[in-house]
Amino acid sequence: MSKEKHHKGWNEIKTNDSWAIFKIMGEFVNGYERLSAIGPCISIFGSARTTESDPYYKLAVSISKSIAEAGYGIITGGGPGIMEAGNKGAFLAGGTSVGLNIDLPFEQHDNPYIDNDKSLDFDYFFVRKVMFVKYSQGFVVMPGGFGTLDELFEAITLIQTNKIEKFPIILVGSEFWSGLFEWVKNAMLVKGNISQKDLELIHLADTADEVVDIIDAFYKGRALSPNF
């Protein structure tokens, strides 16, 4: 291929990238407009592969139901597994049930427990992640995979670096999370890569009551508003 043809292909890519900005802007505008009116919410994360018979699915339903009964809406990624359980609990409690869906080649499909007017679709992971962070008053993180860890550590990083306001991050399932938590303390903390204060951002819980108590204790005397 000639140098001229190489340059032509590169220029076409740059042109397409420029037009993609408008699609990205559209996703941000739509998300901001629709989510700004939903009120205080807690996001629930976890594996899309968790089945309805799994104890963590049942626990996620119980937790989200208790959170909704405490006056918060529930935001999930809108798909199956733990996401479905989160929306189901909110639905059963008559609370706000939001789904931020993403187009994926596998696993992702809308669950039936999202409010009809609160189901949003995204093409870009990074836009969707901004919505979680901006409109959540807390993260409840159930057992999951790489995507769950991605959301968890991004939230911790943003709070640690003062890019967003502090909010409670609750890891549910001490049996599942304790190994990671111990590694963070025994490797990262010991090496000085994080501080003891950073660990205060994270809570471990095993029951719905513990989760609600952590959230209520954090917001006692605090205002509830979007995070940036």
Foldseek 3Di string as FASTA:
>chain_A
DDPVVVVVVVVVVVVVVVVVVVVLVVLLVVLCVLLQPQPEAEEEDAALPADCPDPLLVQLLQQLLLVQVVPHAYEYQQFHHSLLSNLNSCQVNVGAHAHEHEDDPDSGDGHPSHPPSRYHYDDDPVSSLVSNQFRYQEYEYEYHDDVSVVSVVVNLVCCQVVVWPQHAYEYEDCVRCVVVVVCCCVPCDVVVVDDPVSNVNYHYYHHSVVVVVVRCVVCVVHDDHTTD
